[in-house]
Amino acid sequence: MTTQEKLDIIVKSCEDKKGIDIKVLDIQGMTSIADYFVIVSGNSSTQVDALAREIDEKLSEKGEGPQNLEGKNSSRWIILDFGDIIVHVFHKDEREYYNLERLWEENQDPQEEE
């Protein structure tokens, strides 16, 4: 399965579970940990769990389950590591606090944006 196919499934899963403010960040060349971050948030711990579960189930059905999953017990920030894609499922309050989008956008090469 290609990275783009996985991204499509992740984004659709987030949309299906009414994820808030879905962002796909291309971090290729900025780090070796992954090529993309997907960031999504939910309004409640229940929604955060549902988002993470839906993403996990849909990709696992295709034989692409996560290599690692962190934060499931707290349901405030769940990380699903698919190797080339890392998905951050936040409770909306944690997302505002950590603001990963700003952190990674600030580190982009300004020449890439031109």
N, C-alpha and C. Protein backbone atom coordinates (compact mmCIF):
# COMPACT_ATOMS: atom_id res chain seq x y z
N MET A 1 0.85 -1.17 0.00
CA MET A 1 0.00 0.00 0.00
C MET A 1 0.89 1.24 0.00
N THR A 2 0.56 2.21 -0.83
CA THR A 2 1.37 3.42 -0.91
C THR A 2 1.08 4.35 0.26
N THR A 3 1.99 5.26 0.47
CA THR A 3 1.80 6.27 1.52
C THR A 3 0.54 7.08 1.25
N GLN A 4 0.31 7.45 -0.01
CA GLN A 4 -0.87 8.25 -0.34
C GLN A 4 -2.15 7.48 -0.05
N GLU A 5 -2.17 6.19 -0.35
CA GLU A 5 -3.35 5.37 -0.05
C GLU A 5 -3.61 5.33 1.46
N LYS A 6 -2.55 5.21 2.24
CA LYS A 6 -2.71 5.22 3.70
C LYS A 6 -3.23 6.57 4.17
N LEU A 7 -2.66 7.65 3.62
CA LEU A 7 -3.14 8.99 4.00
C LEU A 7 -4.62 9.15 3.69
N ASP A 8 -5.04 8.67 2.53
CA ASP A 8 -6.45 8.78 2.14
C ASP A 8 -7.35 8.05 3.14
N ILE A 9 -6.95 6.85 3.55
CA ILE A 9 -7.74 6.08 4.52
C ILE A 9 -7.77 6.79 5.87
N ILE A 10 -6.65 7.33 6.30
CA ILE A 10 -6.58 8.04 7.58
C ILE A 10 -7.50 9.25 7.57
N VAL A 11 -7.41 10.06 6.52
CA VAL A 11 -8.24 11.27 6.44
C VAL A 11 -9.72 10.89 6.38
N LYS A 12 -10.07 9.88 5.58
CA LYS A 12 -11.47 9.46 5.49
C LYS A 12 -11.97 8.94 6.84
N SER A 13 -11.14 8.20 7.55
CA SER A 13 -11.52 7.70 8.88
C SER A 13 -11.79 8.86 9.83
N CYS A 14 -10.95 9.88 9.76
CA CYS A 14 -11.14 11.07 10.61
C CYS A 14 -12.44 11.79 10.25
N GLU A 15 -12.71 11.91 8.96
CA GLU A 15 -13.95 12.55 8.53
C GLU A 15 -15.17 11.75 8.97
N ASP A 16 -15.08 10.42 8.84
CA ASP A 16 -16.21 9.55 9.22
C ASP A 16 -16.56 9.68 10.70
N LYS A 17 -15.56 9.93 11.53
CA LYS A 17 -15.79 10.06 12.98
C LYS A 17 -15.86 11.53 13.42
N LYS A 18 -16.07 12.40 12.44
CA LYS A 18 -16.27 13.84 12.72
C LYS A 18 -15.07 14.49 13.41
N GLY A 19 -13.86 14.07 12.99
CA GLY A 19 -12.65 14.69 13.52
C GLY A 19 -12.60 16.17 13.19
N ILE A 20 -12.01 16.94 14.07
CA ILE A 20 -11.97 18.40 13.94
C ILE A 20 -10.62 18.83 13.39
N ASP A 21 -10.65 19.73 12.42
CA ASP A 21 -9.45 20.39 11.89
C ASP A 21 -8.35 19.39 11.51
N ILE A 22 -8.66 18.55 10.54
CA ILE A 22 -7.72 17.52 10.09
C ILE A 22 -6.61 18.19 9.28
N LYS A 23 -5.37 17.96 9.69
CA LYS A 23 -4.20 18.54 9.00
C LYS A 23 -3.25 17.42 8.61
N VAL A 24 -2.74 17.51 7.39
CA VAL A 24 -1.68 16.61 6.92
C VAL A 24 -0.45 17.47 6.71
N LEU A 25 0.61 17.20 7.48
CA LEU A 25 1.85 17.96 7.37
C LEU A 25 2.91 17.11 6.68
N ASP A 26 3.46 17.63 5.60
CA ASP A 26 4.55 16.97 4.88
C ASP A 26 5.84 17.33 5.58
N ILE A 27 6.45 16.37 6.26
CA ILE A 27 7.68 16.63 7.02
C ILE A 27 8.89 15.93 6.39
N GLN A 28 8.74 15.52 5.14
CA GLN A 28 9.85 14.88 4.43
C GLN A 28 11.03 15.85 4.37
N GLY A 29 12.20 15.36 4.65
CA GLY A 29 13.39 16.19 4.62
C GLY A 29 13.62 16.99 5.89
N MET A 30 12.63 17.02 6.78
CA MET A 30 12.76 17.76 8.04
C MET A 30 13.16 16.84 9.19
N THR A 31 12.84 15.55 9.04
CA THR A 31 13.13 14.56 10.07
C THR A 31 13.16 13.18 9.43
N SER A 32 13.80 12.26 10.10
CA SER A 32 13.84 10.89 9.58
C SER A 32 12.79 10.00 10.24
N ILE A 33 12.01 10.54 11.16
CA ILE A 33 11.05 9.70 11.89
C ILE A 33 9.83 9.33 11.06
N ALA A 34 9.46 10.17 10.09
CA ALA A 34 8.29 9.91 9.26
C ALA A 34 8.30 10.87 8.08
N ASP A 35 7.43 10.60 7.12
CA ASP A 35 7.26 11.51 5.98
C ASP A 35 6.10 12.47 6.19
N TYR A 36 5.10 12.03 6.95
CA TYR A 36 3.91 12.85 7.18
C TYR A 36 3.45 12.73 8.62
N PHE A 37 2.91 13.83 9.12
CA PHE A 37 2.13 13.84 10.36
C PHE A 37 0.69 14.11 9.95
N VAL A 38 -0.23 13.39 10.54
CA VAL A 38 -1.64 13.73 10.43
C VAL A 38 -2.06 14.14 11.83
N ILE A 39 -2.67 15.32 11.93
CA ILE A 39 -3.11 15.84 13.22
C ILE A 39 -4.61 16.06 13.15
N VAL A 40 -5.31 15.54 14.14
CA VAL A 40 -6.76 15.68 14.21
C VAL A 40 -7.15 15.78 15.68
N SER A 41 -8.27 16.42 15.95
CA SER A 41 -8.71 16.51 17.34
C SER A 41 -10.18 16.14 17.48
N GLY A 42 -10.52 15.82 18.73
CA GLY A 42 -11.89 15.50 19.09
C GLY A 42 -12.31 16.36 20.27
N ASN A 43 -13.62 16.48 20.45
CA ASN A 43 -14.17 17.31 21.53
C ASN A 43 -14.19 16.62 22.88
N SER A 44 -14.04 15.30 22.89
CA SER A 44 -14.13 14.55 24.15
C SER A 44 -13.17 13.37 24.10
N SER A 45 -12.91 12.79 25.26
CA SER A 45 -12.07 11.59 25.32
C SER A 45 -12.70 10.45 24.52
N THR A 46 -14.02 10.37 24.56
CA THR A 46 -14.72 9.33 23.80
C THR A 46 -14.48 9.49 22.30
N GLN A 47 -14.54 10.73 21.82
CA GLN A 47 -14.31 10.97 20.40
C GLN A 47 -12.85 10.71 20.02
N VAL A 48 -11.93 11.09 20.89
CA VAL A 48 -10.50 10.82 20.64
C VAL A 48 -10.29 9.32 20.50
N ASP A 49 -10.86 8.53 21.41
CA ASP A 49 -10.77 7.07 21.33
C ASP A 49 -11.37 6.54 20.03
N ALA A 50 -12.54 7.06 19.67
CA ALA A 50 -13.23 6.60 18.46
C ALA A 50 -12.42 6.91 17.21
N LEU A 51 -11.81 8.08 17.16
CA LEU A 51 -10.97 8.44 16.01
C LEU A 51 -9.78 7.49 15.89
N ALA A 52 -9.07 7.27 16.99
CA ALA A 52 -7.90 6.39 16.96
C ALA A 52 -8.30 4.96 16.60
N ARG A 53 -9.40 4.50 17.16
CA ARG A 53 -9.87 3.13 16.89
C ARG A 53 -10.24 2.97 15.41
N GLU A 54 -10.92 3.95 14.85
CA GLU A 54 -11.34 3.89 13.44
C GLU A 54 -10.12 3.85 12.51
N ILE A 55 -9.14 4.69 12.77
CA ILE A 55 -7.92 4.71 11.95
C ILE A 55 -7.21 3.37 12.05
N ASP A 56 -7.05 2.88 13.27
CA ASP A 56 -6.38 1.59 13.51
C ASP A 56 -7.11 0.47 12.77
N GLU A 57 -8.43 0.40 12.93
CA GLU A 57 -9.21 -0.68 12.32
C GLU A 57 -9.15 -0.64 10.81
N LYS A 58 -9.33 0.54 10.21
CA LYS A 58 -9.36 0.64 8.75
C LYS A 58 -8.02 0.27 8.12
N LEU A 59 -6.92 0.70 8.73
CA LEU A 59 -5.62 0.34 8.16
C LEU A 59 -5.25 -1.10 8.49
N SER A 60 -5.65 -1.59 9.65
CA SER A 60 -5.37 -2.99 10.00
C SER A 60 -6.10 -3.94 9.05
N GLU A 61 -7.31 -3.56 8.61
CA GLU A 61 -8.05 -4.36 7.63
C GLU A 61 -7.26 -4.53 6.33
N LYS A 62 -6.41 -3.57 6.03
CA LYS A 62 -5.59 -3.60 4.81
C LYS A 62 -4.20 -4.17 5.08
N GLY A 63 -3.99 -4.70 6.29
CA GLY A 63 -2.69 -5.26 6.64
C GLY A 63 -1.65 -4.22 6.99
N GLU A 64 -2.10 -3.03 7.36
CA GLU A 64 -1.19 -1.91 7.66
C GLU A 64 -1.41 -1.36 9.06
N GLY A 65 -1.54 -2.25 10.04
CA GLY A 65 -1.74 -1.80 11.42
C GLY A 65 -0.57 -0.98 11.92
N PRO A 66 -0.78 -0.23 13.00
CA PRO A 66 0.30 0.62 13.51
C PRO A 66 1.46 -0.19 14.07
N GLN A 67 2.66 0.34 13.89
CA GLN A 67 3.86 -0.28 14.47
C GLN A 67 3.92 0.00 15.96
N ASN A 68 3.32 1.11 16.36
CA ASN A 68 3.30 1.49 17.77
C ASN A 68 2.07 2.35 18.02
N LEU A 69 1.55 2.27 19.23
CA LEU A 69 0.39 3.07 19.63
C LEU A 69 0.63 3.54 21.05
N GLU A 70 0.56 4.83 21.27
CA GLU A 70 0.82 5.42 22.60
C GLU A 70 -0.35 6.30 23.02
N GLY A 71 -0.61 6.35 24.32
CA GLY A 71 -1.57 7.29 24.88
C GLY A 71 -3.00 6.79 24.95
N LYS A 72 -3.24 5.54 24.60
CA LYS A 72 -4.61 5.03 24.58
C LYS A 72 -5.28 5.10 25.95
N ASN A 73 -4.53 4.91 27.00
CA ASN A 73 -5.12 4.93 28.35
C ASN A 73 -5.59 6.30 28.78
N SER A 74 -4.93 7.36 28.30
CA SER A 74 -5.30 8.70 28.74
C SER A 74 -6.39 9.32 27.87
N SER A 75 -6.45 8.95 26.60
CA SER A 75 -7.43 9.48 25.64
C SER A 75 -7.36 11.00 25.52
N ARG A 76 -6.19 11.57 25.74
CA ARG A 76 -6.00 13.01 25.59
C ARG A 76 -5.11 13.30 24.38
N TRP A 77 -4.16 12.40 24.13
CA TRP A 77 -3.26 12.50 22.97
C TRP A 77 -2.83 11.09 22.62
N ILE A 78 -3.39 10.56 21.56
CA ILE A 78 -3.06 9.21 21.11
C ILE A 78 -2.21 9.32 19.85
N ILE A 79 -1.10 8.58 19.85
CA ILE A 79 -0.19 8.58 18.71
C ILE A 79 -0.21 7.20 18.08
N LEU A 80 -0.48 7.16 16.77
CA LEU A 80 -0.42 5.92 16.00
C LEU A 80 0.73 6.06 15.01
N ASP A 81 1.69 5.15 15.11
CA ASP A 81 2.89 5.20 14.27
C ASP A 81 2.77 4.14 13.18
N PHE A 82 2.62 4.59 11.94
CA PHE A 82 2.54 3.69 10.80
C PHE A 82 3.84 3.68 10.00
N GLY A 83 4.93 4.12 10.61
CA GLY A 83 6.24 4.14 9.94
C GLY A 83 6.43 5.41 9.15
N ASP A 84 5.85 5.48 7.95
CA ASP A 84 5.98 6.67 7.12
C ASP A 84 4.99 7.77 7.51
N ILE A 85 3.98 7.41 8.29
CA ILE A 85 2.96 8.37 8.74
C ILE A 85 2.79 8.22 10.25
N ILE A 86 2.80 9.34 10.95
CA ILE A 86 2.49 9.34 12.38
C ILE A 86 1.22 10.17 12.56
N VAL A 87 0.23 9.55 13.20
CA VAL A 87 -1.05 10.21 13.42
C VAL A 87 -1.13 10.65 14.87
N HIS A 88 -1.45 11.93 15.06
CA HIS A 88 -1.64 12.50 16.40
C HIS A 88 -3.13 12.80 16.55
N VAL A 89 -3.78 12.09 17.46
CA VAL A 89 -5.19 12.31 17.74
C VAL A 89 -5.27 12.99 19.10
N PHE A 90 -5.65 14.25 19.08
CA PHE A 90 -5.65 15.07 20.29
C PHE A 90 -7.06 15.34 20.80
N HIS A 91 -7.19 15.49 22.11
CA HIS A 91 -8.33 16.20 22.68
C HIS A 91 -8.09 17.66 22.32
N LYS A 92 -9.13 18.41 22.02
CA LYS A 92 -8.95 19.78 21.51
C LYS A 92 -8.10 20.65 22.44
N ASP A 93 -8.21 20.46 23.76
CA ASP A 93 -7.43 21.28 24.70
C ASP A 93 -5.93 20.98 24.59
N GLU A 94 -5.58 19.70 24.46
CA GLU A 94 -4.17 19.32 24.32
C GLU A 94 -3.61 19.83 23.00
N ARG A 95 -4.41 19.78 21.97
CA ARG A 95 -3.94 20.25 20.66
C ARG A 95 -3.59 21.74 20.72
N GLU A 96 -4.44 22.51 21.35
CA GLU A 96 -4.15 23.95 21.49
C GLU A 96 -2.89 24.17 22.31
N TYR A 97 -2.70 23.40 23.35
CA TYR A 97 -1.55 23.57 24.23
C TYR A 97 -0.24 23.22 23.52
N TYR A 98 -0.19 22.06 22.87
CA TYR A 98 1.07 21.61 22.25
C TYR A 98 1.32 22.25 20.88
N ASN A 99 0.27 22.57 20.15
CA ASN A 99 0.35 23.29 18.88
C ASN A 99 1.45 22.75 17.96
N LEU A 100 1.41 21.47 17.66
CA LEU A 100 2.41 20.84 16.80
C LEU A 100 2.49 21.47 15.42
N GLU A 101 1.35 21.92 14.89
CA GLU A 101 1.37 22.55 13.57
C GLU A 101 2.33 23.72 13.53
N ARG A 102 2.26 24.58 14.53
CA ARG A 102 3.13 25.75 14.57
C ARG A 102 4.59 25.33 14.67
N LEU A 103 4.87 24.37 15.51
CA LEU A 103 6.24 23.90 15.70
C LEU A 103 6.85 23.42 14.39
N TRP A 104 6.12 22.60 13.64
CA TRP A 104 6.65 22.05 12.40
C TRP A 104 6.63 23.06 11.27
N GLU A 105 5.62 23.92 11.22
CA GLU A 105 5.57 24.93 10.16
C GLU A 105 6.70 25.95 10.32
N GLU A 106 7.07 26.27 11.55
CA GLU A 106 8.17 27.21 11.78
C GLU A 106 9.50 26.65 11.31
N ASN A 107 9.63 25.33 11.27
CA ASN A 107 10.88 24.70 10.89
C ASN A 107 10.98 24.37 9.40
N GLN A 108 9.95 24.73 8.63
CA GLN A 108 10.02 24.50 7.20
C GLN A 108 11.00 25.47 6.56
N ASP A 109 11.66 25.00 5.51
CA ASP A 109 12.60 25.82 4.75
C ASP A 109 11.80 26.88 3.99
N PRO A 110 12.05 28.18 4.23
CA PRO A 110 11.29 29.23 3.56
C PRO A 110 11.37 29.14 2.04
N GLN A 111 12.46 28.61 1.49
CA GLN A 111 12.60 28.49 0.05
C GLN A 111 11.62 27.47 -0.52
N GLU A 112 11.22 26.48 0.29
CA GLU A 112 10.26 25.47 -0.17
C GLU A 112 8.89 26.08 -0.38
N GLU A 113 8.57 27.15 0.32
CA GLU A 113 7.25 27.75 0.25
C GLU A 113 7.10 28.67 -0.95
N GLU A 114 8.20 29.05 -1.58
CA GLU A 114 8.14 29.99 -2.70
C GLU A 114 7.74 29.30 -3.98
